[in-house]
């Protein structure tokens, strides 16, 4: 966690995409890979910044922020240990400025 905290020597927070390359296709996670190391490799390939925050024990929040190929995509904000309240305040301001998302398909019976 010390190395993860060093990321914030010169910045208060880091904003990055949640996913490396759009939503994973169904079946992208191999159910036969069951060791923690294999699962971590899979997650790191799909969402490397989420894996960094989890492995470093850093507070983080993921937020929707736009559409990509008719699918919503998100951004992640993470900061140093103990910055939970600060991240919530920044994410609230960020979401207030975010574009309104209109998902093109009904979800769970909602239009």
PDB file of N, CA and C in Angstrom:
ATOM      1  N   UNK A   1       0.810  -1.195   0.000  1.00  0.00           N
ATOM      2  CA  UNK A   1       0.000   0.000   0.000  1.00  0.00           C
ATOM      3  C   UNK A   1       0.864   1.275   0.000  1.00  0.00           C
ATOM      4  N   UNK A   2       2.078   1.192   0.514  1.00  0.00           N
ATOM      5  CA  UNK A   2       2.962   2.364   0.514  1.00  0.00           C
ATOM      6  C   UNK A   2       3.210   2.826  -0.921  1.00  0.00           C
ATOM      7  N   UNK A   3       3.475   1.877  -1.837  1.00  0.00           N
ATOM      8  CA  UNK A   3       3.727   2.255  -3.227  1.00  0.00           C
ATOM      9  C   UNK A   3       2.480   2.865  -3.855  1.00  0.00           C
ATOM     10  N   UNK A   4       1.306   2.318  -3.510  1.00  0.00           N
ATOM     11  CA  UNK A   4       0.069   2.880  -4.044  1.00  0.00           C
ATOM     12  C   UNK A   4      -0.131   4.300  -3.533  1.00  0.00           C
ATOM     13  N   UNK A   5       0.152   4.536  -2.275  1.00  0.00           N
ATOM     14  CA  UNK A   5       0.000   5.890  -1.721  1.00  0.00           C
ATOM     15  C   UNK A   5       0.947   6.886  -2.383  1.00  0.00           C
ATOM     16  N   UNK A   6       2.099   6.423  -2.860  1.00  0.00           N
ATOM     17  CA  UNK A   6       3.049   7.329  -3.521  1.00  0.00           C
ATOM     18  C   UNK A   6       2.488   7.908  -4.814  1.00  0.00           C
ATOM     19  N   UNK A   7       1.469   7.273  -5.391  1.00  0.00           N
ATOM     20  CA  UNK A   7       0.830   7.819  -6.588  1.00  0.00           C
ATOM     21  C   UNK A   7       0.267   9.215  -6.322  1.00  0.00           C
ATOM     22  N   UNK A   8      -0.003   9.510  -5.052  1.00  0.00           N
ATOM     23  CA  UNK A   8      -0.674  10.749  -4.692  1.00  0.00           C
ATOM     24  C   UNK A   8       0.258  11.772  -4.054  1.00  0.00           C
ATOM     25  N   UNK A   9       1.534  11.613  -4.287  1.00  0.00           N
ATOM     26  CA  UNK A   9       2.490  12.596  -3.776  1.00  0.00           C
ATOM     27  C   UNK A   9       2.253  13.980  -4.372  1.00  0.00           C
ATOM     28  N   UNK A  10       1.847  14.034  -5.645  1.00  0.00           N
ATOM     29  CA  UNK A  10       1.682  15.318  -6.335  1.00  0.00           C
ATOM     30  C   UNK A  10       0.253  15.599  -6.788  1.00  0.00           C
ATOM     31  N   UNK A  11      -0.671  14.658  -6.567  1.00  0.00           N
ATOM     32  CA  UNK A  11      -2.066  14.847  -6.974  1.00  0.00           C
ATOM     33  C   UNK A  11      -2.991  14.382  -5.845  1.00  0.00           C
ATOM     34  N   UNK A  12      -4.205  14.896  -5.839  1.00  0.00           N
ATOM     35  CA  UNK A  12      -5.172  14.522  -4.805  1.00  0.00           C
ATOM     36  C   UNK A  12      -5.981  13.294  -5.182  1.00  0.00           C
ATOM     37  N   UNK A  13      -6.203  13.099  -6.481  1.00  0.00           N
ATOM     38  CA  UNK A  13      -7.009  11.979  -6.958  1.00  0.00           C
ATOM     39  C   UNK A  13      -6.619  11.677  -8.394  1.00  0.00           C
ATOM     40  N   UNK A  14      -7.009  10.494  -8.860  1.00  0.00           N
ATOM     41  CA  UNK A  14      -6.727  10.084 -10.236  1.00  0.00           C
ATOM     42  C   UNK A  14      -8.044   9.681 -10.880  1.00  0.00           C
ATOM     43  N   UNK A  15      -8.308  10.211 -12.073  1.00  0.00           N
ATOM     44  CA  UNK A  15      -9.488   9.881 -12.855  1.00  0.00           C
ATOM     45  C   UNK A  15      -9.049   9.022 -14.030  1.00  0.00           C
ATOM     46  N   UNK A  16      -9.712   7.889 -14.220  1.00  0.00           N
ATOM     47  CA  UNK A  16      -9.333   6.977 -15.303  1.00  0.00           C
ATOM     48  C   UNK A  16     -10.560   6.187 -15.746  1.00  0.00           C
ATOM     49  N   UNK A  17     -10.488   5.530 -16.897  1.00  0.00           N
ATOM     50  CA  UNK A  17     -11.615   4.689 -17.313  1.00  0.00           C
ATOM     51  C   UNK A  17     -11.730   3.471 -16.400  1.00  0.00           C
ATOM     52  N   UNK A  18     -12.950   2.960 -16.253  1.00  0.00           N
ATOM     53  CA  UNK A  18     -13.152   1.738 -15.460  1.00  0.00           C
ATOM     54  C   UNK A  18     -12.652   0.532 -16.248  1.00  0.00           C
ATOM     55  N   UNK A  19     -13.052   0.439 -17.512  1.00  0.00           N
ATOM     56  CA  UNK A  19     -12.710  -0.719 -18.341  1.00  0.00           C
ATOM     57  C   UNK A  19     -11.605  -0.371 -19.335  1.00  0.00           C
ATOM     58  N   UNK A  20     -10.806  -1.376 -19.669  1.00  0.00           N
ATOM     59  CA  UNK A  20      -9.705  -1.175 -20.612  1.00  0.00           C
ATOM     60  C   UNK A  20     -10.211  -0.991 -22.037  1.00  0.00           C
ATOM     61  N   UNK A  21     -11.318  -1.675 -22.387  1.00  0.00           N
ATOM     62  CA  UNK A  21     -11.764  -1.646 -23.779  1.00  0.00           C
ATOM     63  C   UNK A  21     -13.242  -2.002 -23.888  1.00  0.00           C
ATOM     64  N   UNK A  22     -14.119  -1.186 -23.396  1.00  0.00           N
ATOM     65  CA  UNK A  22     -15.550  -1.431 -23.500  1.00  0.00           C
ATOM     66  C   UNK A  22     -16.002  -2.630 -22.677  1.00  0.00           C
ATOM     67  N   UNK A  23     -17.318  -2.859 -22.637  1.00  0.00           N
ATOM     68  CA  UNK A  23     -17.839  -3.961 -21.843  1.00  0.00           C
ATOM     69  C   UNK A  23     -17.345  -5.311 -22.362  1.00  0.00           C
ATOM     70  N   UNK A  24     -16.969  -6.209 -21.459  1.00  0.00           N
ATOM     71  CA  UNK A  24     -16.524  -7.529 -21.911  1.00  0.00           C
ATOM     72  C   UNK A  24     -17.698  -8.315 -22.490  1.00  0.00           C
ATOM     73  N   UNK A  25     -17.402  -9.125 -23.456  1.00  0.00           N
ATOM     74  CA  UNK A  25     -18.422  -9.984 -24.069  1.00  0.00           C
ATOM     75  C   UNK A  25     -18.818 -11.088 -23.090  1.00  0.00           C
ATOM     76  N   UNK A  26     -20.022 -11.605 -23.254  1.00  0.00           N
ATOM     77  CA  UNK A  26     -20.454 -12.746 -22.447  1.00  0.00           C
ATOM     78  C   UNK A  26     -19.470 -13.880 -22.670  1.00  0.00           C
ATOM     79  N   UNK A  27     -19.002 -14.482 -21.597  1.00  0.00           N
ATOM     80  CA  UNK A  27     -18.034 -15.566 -21.677  1.00  0.00           C
ATOM     81  C   UNK A  27     -16.594 -15.108 -21.589  1.00  0.00           C
ATOM     82  N   UNK A  28     -16.367 -13.793 -21.448  1.00  0.00           N
ATOM     83  CA  UNK A  28     -14.998 -13.273 -21.385  1.00  0.00           C
ATOM     84  C   UNK A  28     -14.252 -13.776 -20.154  1.00  0.00           C
ATOM     85  N   UNK A  29     -14.970 -14.012 -19.066  1.00  0.00           N
ATOM     86  CA  UNK A  29     -14.339 -14.556 -17.867  1.00  0.00           C
ATOM     87  C   UNK A  29     -14.457 -16.071 -17.902  1.00  0.00           C
ATOM     88  N   UNK A  30     -13.331 -16.729 -17.944  1.00  0.00           N
ATOM     89  CA  UNK A  30     -13.284 -18.188 -18.032  1.00  0.00           C
ATOM     90  C   UNK A  30     -13.662 -18.793 -16.682  1.00  0.00           C
ATOM     91  N   UNK A  31     -14.800 -19.507 -16.602  1.00  0.00           N
ATOM     92  CA  UNK A  31     -15.212 -20.084 -15.320  1.00  0.00           C
ATOM     93  C   UNK A  31     -14.289 -21.199 -14.835  1.00  0.00           C
ATOM     94  N   UNK A  32     -13.441 -21.712 -15.708  1.00  0.00           N
ATOM     95  CA  UNK A  32     -12.520 -22.778 -15.310  1.00  0.00           C
ATOM     96  C   UNK A  32     -11.271 -22.254 -14.615  1.00  0.00           C
ATOM     97  N   UNK A  33     -11.025 -20.960 -14.692  1.00  0.00           N
ATOM     98  CA  UNK A  33      -9.885 -20.359 -13.992  1.00  0.00           C
ATOM     99  C   UNK A  33     -10.366 -19.940 -12.613  1.00  0.00           C
ATOM    100  N   UNK A  34     -10.006 -20.717 -11.623  1.00  0.00           N
ATOM    101  CA  UNK A  34     -10.598 -20.500 -10.306  1.00  0.00           C
ATOM    102  C   UNK A  34      -9.609 -20.068  -9.232  1.00  0.00           C
ATOM    103  N   UNK A  35      -8.325 -20.030  -9.533  1.00  0.00           N
ATOM    104  CA  UNK A  35      -7.393 -19.595  -8.499  1.00  0.00           C
ATOM    105  C   UNK A  35      -7.467 -18.072  -8.380  1.00  0.00           C
ATOM    106  N   UNK A  36      -7.153 -17.535  -7.231  1.00  0.00           N
ATOM    107  CA  UNK A  36      -7.160 -16.076  -7.094  1.00  0.00           C
ATOM    108  C   UNK A  36      -6.233 -15.391  -8.093  1.00  0.00           C
ATOM    109  N   UNK A  37      -5.084 -15.989  -8.363  1.00  0.00           N
ATOM    110  CA  UNK A  37      -4.146 -15.397  -9.326  1.00  0.00           C
ATOM    111  C   UNK A  37      -4.753 -15.323 -10.727  1.00  0.00           C
ATOM    112  N   UNK A  38      -5.446 -16.396 -11.136  1.00  0.00           N
ATOM    113  CA  UNK A  38      -6.062 -16.402 -12.461  1.00  0.00           C
ATOM    114  C   UNK A  38      -7.194 -15.386 -12.546  1.00  0.00           C
ATOM    115  N   UNK A  39      -8.001 -15.303 -11.505  1.00  0.00           N
ATOM    116  CA  UNK A  39      -9.087 -14.321 -11.480  1.00  0.00           C
ATOM    117  C   UNK A  39      -8.535 -12.899 -11.517  1.00  0.00           C
ATOM    118  N   UNK A  40      -7.475 -12.651 -10.776  1.00  0.00           N
ATOM    119  CA  UNK A  40      -6.880 -11.318 -10.760  1.00  0.00           C
ATOM    120  C   UNK A  40      -6.359 -10.960 -12.148  1.00  0.00           C
ATOM    121  N   UNK A  41      -5.728 -11.911 -12.831  1.00  0.00           N
ATOM    122  CA  UNK A  41      -5.239 -11.651 -14.197  1.00  0.00           C
ATOM    123  C   UNK A  41      -6.387 -11.301 -15.127  1.00  0.00           C
ATOM    124  N   UNK A  42      -7.508 -12.030 -15.004  1.00  0.00           N
ATOM    125  CA  UNK A  42      -8.671 -11.741 -15.835  1.00  0.00           C
ATOM    126  C   UNK A  42      -9.204 -10.337 -15.561  1.00  0.00           C
ATOM    127  N   UNK A  43      -9.361 -10.009 -14.297  1.00  0.00           N
ATOM    128  CA  UNK A  43      -9.872  -8.693 -13.939  1.00  0.00           C
ATOM    129  C   UNK A  43      -8.912  -7.585 -14.362  1.00  0.00           C
ATOM    130  N   UNK A  44      -7.619  -7.829 -14.213  1.00  0.00           N
ATOM    131  CA  UNK A  44      -6.629  -6.834 -14.600  1.00  0.00           C
ATOM    132  C   UNK A  44      -6.686  -6.554 -16.099  1.00  0.00           C
ATOM    133  N   UNK A  45      -6.959  -7.583 -16.892  1.00  0.00           N
ATOM    134  CA  UNK A  45      -7.053  -7.398 -18.344  1.00  0.00           C
ATOM    135  C   UNK A  45      -8.300  -6.596 -18.718  1.00  0.00           C
ATOM    136  N   UNK A  46      -9.397  -6.808 -18.009  1.00  0.00           N
ATOM    137  CA  UNK A  46     -10.660  -6.138 -18.330  1.00  0.00           C
ATOM    138  C   UNK A  46     -10.740  -4.753 -17.688  1.00  0.00           C
ATOM    139  N   UNK A  47     -10.333  -4.665 -16.428  1.00  0.00           N
ATOM    140  CA  UNK A  47     -10.460  -3.413 -15.675  1.00  0.00           C
ATOM    141  C   UNK A  47      -9.193  -3.171 -14.860  1.00  0.00           C
ATOM    142  N   UNK A  48      -8.100  -2.788 -15.532  1.00  0.00           N
ATOM    143  CA  UNK A  48      -6.814  -2.685 -14.842  1.00  0.00           C
ATOM    144  C   UNK A  48      -6.792  -1.676 -13.697  1.00  0.00           C
ATOM    145  N   UNK A  49      -7.528  -0.589 -13.830  1.00  0.00           N
ATOM    146  CA  UNK A  49      -7.504   0.419 -12.779  1.00  0.00           C
ATOM    147  C   UNK A  49      -8.290  -0.011 -11.544  1.00  0.00           C
ATOM    148  N   UNK A  50      -9.324  -0.814 -11.754  1.00  0.00           N
ATOM    149  CA  UNK A  50     -10.065  -1.374 -10.628  1.00  0.00           C
ATOM    150  C   UNK A  50      -9.153  -2.322  -9.860  1.00  0.00           C
ATOM    151  N   UNK A  51      -8.408  -3.135 -10.594  1.00  0.00           N
ATOM    152  CA  UNK A  51      -7.479  -4.063  -9.947  1.00  0.00           C
ATOM    153  C   UNK A  51      -6.418  -3.308  -9.154  1.00  0.00           C
ATOM    154  N   UNK A  52      -5.941  -2.197  -9.700  1.00  0.00           N
ATOM    155  CA  UNK A  52      -4.935  -1.391  -9.000  1.00  0.00           C
ATOM    156  C   UNK A  52      -5.498  -0.857  -7.687  1.00  0.00           C
ATOM    157  N   UNK A  53      -6.702  -0.307  -7.726  1.00  0.00           N
ATOM    158  CA  UNK A  53      -7.314   0.234  -6.517  1.00  0.00           C
ATOM    159  C   UNK A  53      -7.544  -0.880  -5.491  1.00  0.00           C
ATOM    160  N   UNK A  54      -8.043  -2.022  -5.948  1.00  0.00           N
ATOM    161  CA  UNK A  54      -8.299  -3.133  -5.024  1.00  0.00           C
ATOM    162  C   UNK A  54      -7.010  -3.660  -4.411  1.00  0.00           C
ATOM    163  N   UNK A  55      -6.020  -3.896  -5.233  1.00  0.00           N
ATOM    164  CA  UNK A  55      -4.760  -4.458  -4.729  1.00  0.00           C
ATOM    165  C   UNK A  55      -4.033  -3.461  -3.829  1.00  0.00           C
ATOM    166  N   UNK A  56      -4.155  -2.174  -4.109  1.00  0.00           N
ATOM    167  CA  UNK A  56      -3.480  -1.154  -3.321  1.00  0.00           C
ATOM    168  C   UNK A  56      -4.258  -0.716  -2.092  1.00  0.00           C
ATOM    169  N   UNK A  57      -5.493  -1.238  -1.944  1.00  0.00           N
ATOM    170  CA  UNK A  57      -6.310  -0.845  -0.807  1.00  0.00           C
ATOM    171  C   UNK A  57      -6.731   0.612  -0.846  1.00  0.00           C
ATOM    172  N   UNK A  58      -6.918   1.131  -2.041  1.00  0.00           N
ATOM    173  CA  UNK A  58      -7.249   2.549  -2.214  1.00  0.00           C
ATOM    174  C   UNK A  58      -8.756   2.757  -2.303  1.00  0.00           C
ATOM    175  N   UNK A  59      -9.278   3.840  -1.719  1.00  0.00           N
ATOM    176  CA  UNK A  59     -10.692   4.133  -1.900  1.00  0.00           C
ATOM    177  C   UNK A  59     -10.933   4.550  -3.350  1.00  0.00           C
ATOM    178  N   UNK A  60     -12.042   4.080  -3.906  1.00  0.00           N
ATOM    179  CA  UNK A  60     -12.338   4.373  -5.306  1.00  0.00           C
ATOM    180  C   UNK A  60     -13.847   4.394  -5.503  1.00  0.00           C
ATOM    181  N   UNK A  61     -14.257   5.085  -6.540  1.00  0.00           N
ATOM    182  CA  UNK A  61     -15.669   5.110  -6.896  1.00  0.00           C
ATOM    183  C   UNK A  61     -15.759   5.092  -8.420  1.00  0.00           C
ATOM    184  N   UNK A  62     -16.671   4.262  -8.939  1.00  0.00           N
ATOM    185  CA  UNK A  62     -16.914   4.181 -10.379  1.00  0.00           C
ATOM    186  C   UNK A  62     -18.235   4.872 -10.680  1.00  0.00           C
ATOM    187  N   UNK A  63     -18.257   5.633 -11.777  1.00  0.00           N
ATOM    188  CA  UNK A  63     -19.431   6.427 -12.132  1.00  0.00           C
ATOM    189  C   UNK A  63     -19.723   6.275 -13.616  1.00  0.00           C
ATOM    190  N   UNK A  64     -21.017   6.228 -13.984  1.00  0.00           N
ATOM    191  CA  UNK A  64     -21.338   6.240 -15.416  1.00  0.00           C
ATOM    192  C   UNK A  64     -20.993   7.603 -15.998  1.00  0.00           C
ATOM    193  N   UNK A  65     -20.512   7.608 -17.250  1.00  0.00           N
ATOM    194  CA  UNK A  65     -20.172   8.890 -17.863  1.00  0.00           C
ATOM    195  C   UNK A  65     -20.184   8.819 -19.384  1.00  0.00           C
ATOM    196  N   UNK A  66     -21.306   8.513 -19.952  1.00  0.00           N
ATOM    197  CA  UNK A  66     -21.419   8.569 -21.404  1.00  0.00           C
ATOM    198  C   UNK A  66     -21.744   7.226 -22.023  1.00  0.00           C
ATOM    199  N   UNK A  67     -21.774   7.229 -23.337  1.00  0.00           N
ATOM    200  CA  UNK A  67     -22.104   6.020 -24.094  1.00  0.00           C
ATOM    201  C   UNK A  67     -20.966   5.708 -25.052  1.00  0.00           C
ATOM    202  N   UNK A  68     -20.755   4.416 -25.274  1.00  0.00           N
ATOM    203  CA  UNK A  68     -19.761   3.944 -26.223  1.00  0.00           C
ATOM    204  C   UNK A  68     -20.376   2.758 -26.952  1.00  0.00           C
ATOM    205  N   UNK A  69     -20.594   2.925 -28.239  1.00  0.00           N
ATOM    206  CA  UNK A  69     -21.197   1.856 -29.039  1.00  0.00           C
ATOM    207  C   UNK A  69     -22.502   1.359 -28.416  1.00  0.00           C
ATOM    208  N   UNK A  70     -23.396   2.289 -28.082  1.00  0.00           N
ATOM    209  CA  UNK A  70     -24.706   1.988 -27.507  1.00  0.00           C
ATOM    210  C   UNK A  70     -24.652   1.310 -26.144  1.00  0.00           C
ATOM    211  N   UNK A  71     -23.527   1.392 -25.476  1.00  0.00           N
ATOM    212  CA  UNK A  71     -23.405   0.850 -24.124  1.00  0.00           C
ATOM    213  C   UNK A  71     -22.877   1.951 -23.216  1.00  0.00           C
ATOM    214  N   UNK A  72     -23.411   2.036 -21.994  1.00  0.00           N
ATOM    215  CA  UNK A  72     -22.856   3.040 -21.083  1.00  0.00           C
ATOM    216  C   UNK A  72     -21.426   2.685 -20.701  1.00  0.00           C
ATOM    217  N   UNK A  73     -20.607   3.697 -20.497  1.00  0.00           N
ATOM    218  CA  UNK A  73     -19.254   3.437 -20.008  1.00  0.00           C
ATOM    219  C   UNK A  73     -19.025   4.286 -18.770  1.00  0.00           C
ATOM    220  N   UNK A  74     -18.034   3.884 -18.001  1.00  0.00           N
ATOM    221  CA  UNK A  74     -17.804   4.565 -16.742  1.00  0.00           C
ATOM    222  C   UNK A  74     -16.380   5.043 -16.567  1.00  0.00           C
ATOM    223  N   UNK A  75     -16.237   5.944 -15.621  1.00  0.00           N
ATOM    224  CA  UNK A  75     -14.925   6.418 -15.207  1.00  0.00           C
ATOM    225  C   UNK A  75     -14.763   6.089 -13.724  1.00  0.00           C
ATOM    226  N   UNK A  76     -13.530   5.994 -13.317  1.00  0.00           N
ATOM    227  CA  UNK A  76     -13.224   5.683 -11.926  1.00  0.00           C
ATOM    228  C   UNK A  76     -12.350   6.785 -11.351  1.00  0.00           C
ATOM    229  N   UNK A  77     -12.686   7.173 -10.147  1.00  0.00           N
ATOM    230  CA  UNK A  77     -11.909   8.153  -9.414  1.00  0.00           C
ATOM    231  C   UNK A  77     -11.346   7.436  -8.198  1.00  0.00           C
ATOM    232  N   UNK A  78     -10.031   7.498  -8.016  1.00  0.00           N
ATOM    233  CA  UNK A  78      -9.482   6.919  -6.795  1.00  0.00           C
ATOM    234  C   UNK A  78      -8.447   7.829  -6.183  1.00  0.00           C
ATOM    235  N   UNK A  79      -8.262   7.642  -4.875  1.00  0.00           N
ATOM    236  CA  UNK A  79      -7.384   8.527  -4.133  1.00  0.00           C
ATOM    237  C   UNK A  79      -6.623   7.781  -3.061  1.00  0.00           C
ATOM    238  N   UNK A  80      -5.876   8.507  -2.247  1.00  0.00           N
ATOM    239  CA  UNK A  80      -5.061   7.874  -1.211  1.00  0.00           C
ATOM    240  C   UNK A  80      -5.937   7.338  -0.073  1.00  0.00           C
ATOM    241  N   UNK A  81      -5.379   6.478   0.733  1.00  0.00           N
ATOM    242  CA  UNK A  81      -6.109   5.943   1.873  1.00  0.00           C
ATOM    243  C   UNK A  81      -6.628   7.082   2.731  1.00  0.00           C
ATOM    244  N   UNK A  82      -7.859   6.941   3.191  1.00  0.00           N
ATOM    245  CA  UNK A  82      -8.471   7.945   4.041  1.00  0.00           C
ATOM    246  C   UNK A  82      -9.183   9.054   3.295  1.00  0.00           C
ATOM    247  N   UNK A  83      -9.185   9.009   1.968  1.00  0.00           N
ATOM    248  CA  UNK A  83      -9.787  10.081   1.171  1.00  0.00           C
ATOM    249  C   UNK A  83     -11.225   9.773   0.758  1.00  0.00           C
ATOM    250  N   UNK A  84     -11.887   8.873   1.458  1.00  0.00           N
ATOM    251  CA  UNK A  84     -13.231   8.443   1.069  1.00  0.00           C
ATOM    252  C   UNK A  84     -14.210   9.614   0.939  1.00  0.00           C
ATOM    253  N   UNK A  85     -14.293  10.455   1.952  1.00  0.00           N
ATOM    254  CA  UNK A  85     -15.230  11.583   1.916  1.00  0.00           C
ATOM    255  C   UNK A  85     -14.870  12.570   0.816  1.00  0.00           C
ATOM    256  N   UNK A  86     -13.593  12.803   0.616  1.00  0.00           N
ATOM    257  CA  UNK A  86     -13.163  13.703  -0.460  1.00  0.00           C
ATOM    258  C   UNK A  86     -13.576  13.143  -1.817  1.00  0.00           C
ATOM    259  N   UNK A  87     -13.412  11.836  -2.013  1.00  0.00           N
ATOM    260  CA  UNK A  87     -13.790  11.227  -3.289  1.00  0.00           C
ATOM    261  C   UNK A  87     -15.298  11.330  -3.519  1.00  0.00           C
ATOM    262  N   UNK A  88     -16.086  11.142  -2.460  1.00  0.00           N
ATOM    263  CA  UNK A  88     -17.537  11.270  -2.602  1.00  0.00           C
ATOM    264  C   UNK A  88     -17.919  12.696  -2.996  1.00  0.00           C
ATOM    265  N   UNK A  89     -17.275  13.693  -2.413  1.00  0.00           N
ATOM    266  CA  UNK A  89     -17.573  15.084  -2.756  1.00  0.00           C
ATOM    267  C   UNK A  89     -17.182  15.392  -4.197  1.00  0.00           C
ATOM    268  N   UNK A  90     -16.004  14.944  -4.608  1.00  0.00           N
ATOM    269  CA  UNK A  90     -15.554  15.191  -5.988  1.00  0.00           C
ATOM    270  C   UNK A  90     -16.450  14.442  -6.974  1.00  0.00           C
ATOM    271  N   UNK A  91     -16.810  13.215  -6.648  1.00  0.00           N
ATOM    272  CA  UNK A  91     -17.645  12.440  -7.564  1.00  0.00           C
ATOM    273  C   UNK A  91     -19.037  13.050  -7.691  1.00  0.00           C
ATOM    274  N   UNK A  92     -19.581  13.637  -6.623  1.00  0.00           N
ATOM    275  CA  UNK A  92     -20.886  14.302  -6.710  1.00  0.00           C
ATOM    276  C   UNK A  92     -20.805  15.500  -7.660  1.00  0.00           C
ATOM    277  N   UNK A  93     -19.748  16.278  -7.569  1.00  0.00           N
ATOM    278  CA  UNK A  93     -19.572  17.412  -8.477  1.00  0.00           C
ATOM    279  C   UNK A  93     -19.359  16.939  -9.911  1.00  0.00           C
ATOM    280  N   UNK A  94     -18.611  15.878 -10.067  1.00  0.00           N
ATOM    281  CA  UNK A  94     -18.331  15.308 -11.387  1.00  0.00           C
ATOM    282  C   UNK A  94     -19.625  14.817 -12.026  1.00  0.00           C
ATOM    283  N   UNK A  95     -20.464  14.107 -11.260  1.00  0.00           N
ATOM    284  CA  UNK A  95     -21.720  13.587 -11.787  1.00  0.00           C
ATOM    285  C   UNK A  95     -22.690  14.706 -12.129  1.00  0.00           C
ATOM    286  N   UNK A  96     -22.636  15.792 -11.384  1.00  0.00           N
ATOM    287  CA  UNK A  96     -23.504  16.931 -11.701  1.00  0.00           C
ATOM    288  C   UNK A  96     -23.176  17.505 -13.079  1.00  0.00           C
ATOM    289  N   UNK A  97     -21.938  17.372 -13.507  1.00  0.00           N
ATOM    290  CA  UNK A  97     -21.515  17.881 -14.811  1.00  0.00           C
ATOM    291  C   UNK A  97     -21.572  16.814 -15.909  1.00  0.00           C
ATOM    292  N   UNK A  98     -21.867  15.578 -15.547  1.00  0.00           N
ATOM    293  CA  UNK A  98     -21.858  14.474 -16.511  1.00  0.00           C
ATOM    294  C   UNK A  98     -23.047  14.568 -17.460  1.00  0.00           C
ATOM    295  N   UNK A  99     -22.882  14.044 -18.669  1.00  0.00           N
ATOM    296  CA  UNK A  99     -24.012  14.030 -19.599  1.00  0.00           C
ATOM    297  C   UNK A  99     -25.101  13.083 -19.095  1.00  0.00           C
ATOM    298  N   UNK A 100     -26.361  13.405 -19.413  1.00  0.00           N
ATOM    299  CA  UNK A 100     -27.471  12.537 -19.063  1.00  0.00           C
ATOM    300  C   UNK A 100     -27.402  11.294 -19.948  1.00  0.00           C
ATOM    301  N   UNK A 101     -27.528  10.131 -19.332  1.00  0.00           N
ATOM    302  CA  UNK A 101     -27.482   8.887 -20.089  1.00  0.00           C
ATOM    303  C   UNK A 101     -28.891   8.393 -20.367  1.00  0.00           C
ATOM    304  N   UNK A 102     -29.161   8.123 -21.608  1.00  0.00           N
ATOM    305  CA  UNK A 102     -30.435   7.516 -22.009  1.00  0.00           C
ATOM    306  C   UNK A 102     -30.096   6.133 -22.558  1.00  0.00           C
ATOM    307  N   UNK A 103     -30.257   5.104 -21.748  1.00  0.00           N
ATOM    308  CA  UNK A 103     -29.938   3.758 -22.212  1.00  0.00           C
ATOM    309  C   UNK A 103     -30.931   3.361 -23.299  1.00  0.00           C
ATOM    310  N   UNK A 104     -30.443   2.841 -24.431  1.00  0.00           N
ATOM    311  CA  UNK A 104     -31.308   2.623 -25.595  1.00  0.00           C
ATOM    312  C   UNK A 104     -32.236   1.408 -25.492  1.00  0.00           C
ATOM    313  N   UNK A 105     -32.150   0.619 -24.429  1.00  0.00           N
ATOM    314  CA  UNK A 105     -32.954  -0.589 -24.307  1.00  0.00           C
ATOM    315  C   UNK A 105     -33.635  -0.611 -22.952  1.00  0.00           C
ATOM    316  N   UNK A 106     -34.834  -1.213 -22.867  1.00  0.00           N
ATOM    317  CA  UNK A 106     -35.502  -1.289 -21.565  1.00  0.00           C
ATOM    318  C   UNK A 106     -34.693  -2.184 -20.609  1.00  0.00           C
ATOM    319  N   UNK A 107     -34.699  -1.812 -19.332  1.00  0.00           N
ATOM    320  CA  UNK A 107     -33.994  -2.587 -18.325  1.00  0.00           C
ATOM    321  C   UNK A 107     -35.001  -3.017 -17.281  1.00  0.00           C
ATOM    322  N   UNK A 108     -35.119  -4.311 -17.038  1.00  0.00           N
ATOM    323  CA  UNK A 108     -36.004  -4.856 -15.997  1.00  0.00           C
ATOM    324  C   UNK A 108     -37.403  -4.261 -16.071  1.00  0.00           C
ATOM    325  N   UNK A 109     -37.920  -4.146 -17.272  1.00  0.00           N
ATOM    326  CA  UNK A 109     -39.273  -3.647 -17.448  1.00  0.00           C
ATOM    327  C   UNK A 109     -39.419  -2.138 -17.428  1.00  0.00           C
ATOM    328  N   UNK A 110     -38.315  -1.413 -17.220  1.00  0.00           N
ATOM    329  CA  UNK A 110     -38.372   0.033 -17.227  1.00  0.00           C
ATOM    330  C   UNK A 110     -38.130   0.549 -18.632  1.00  0.00           C
ATOM    331  N   UNK A 111     -38.780   1.646 -18.989  1.00  0.00           N
ATOM    332  CA  UNK A 111     -38.546   2.179 -20.334  1.00  0.00           C
ATOM    333  C   UNK A 111     -37.290   3.029 -20.351  1.00  0.00           C
TER     334      UNK A 111
END
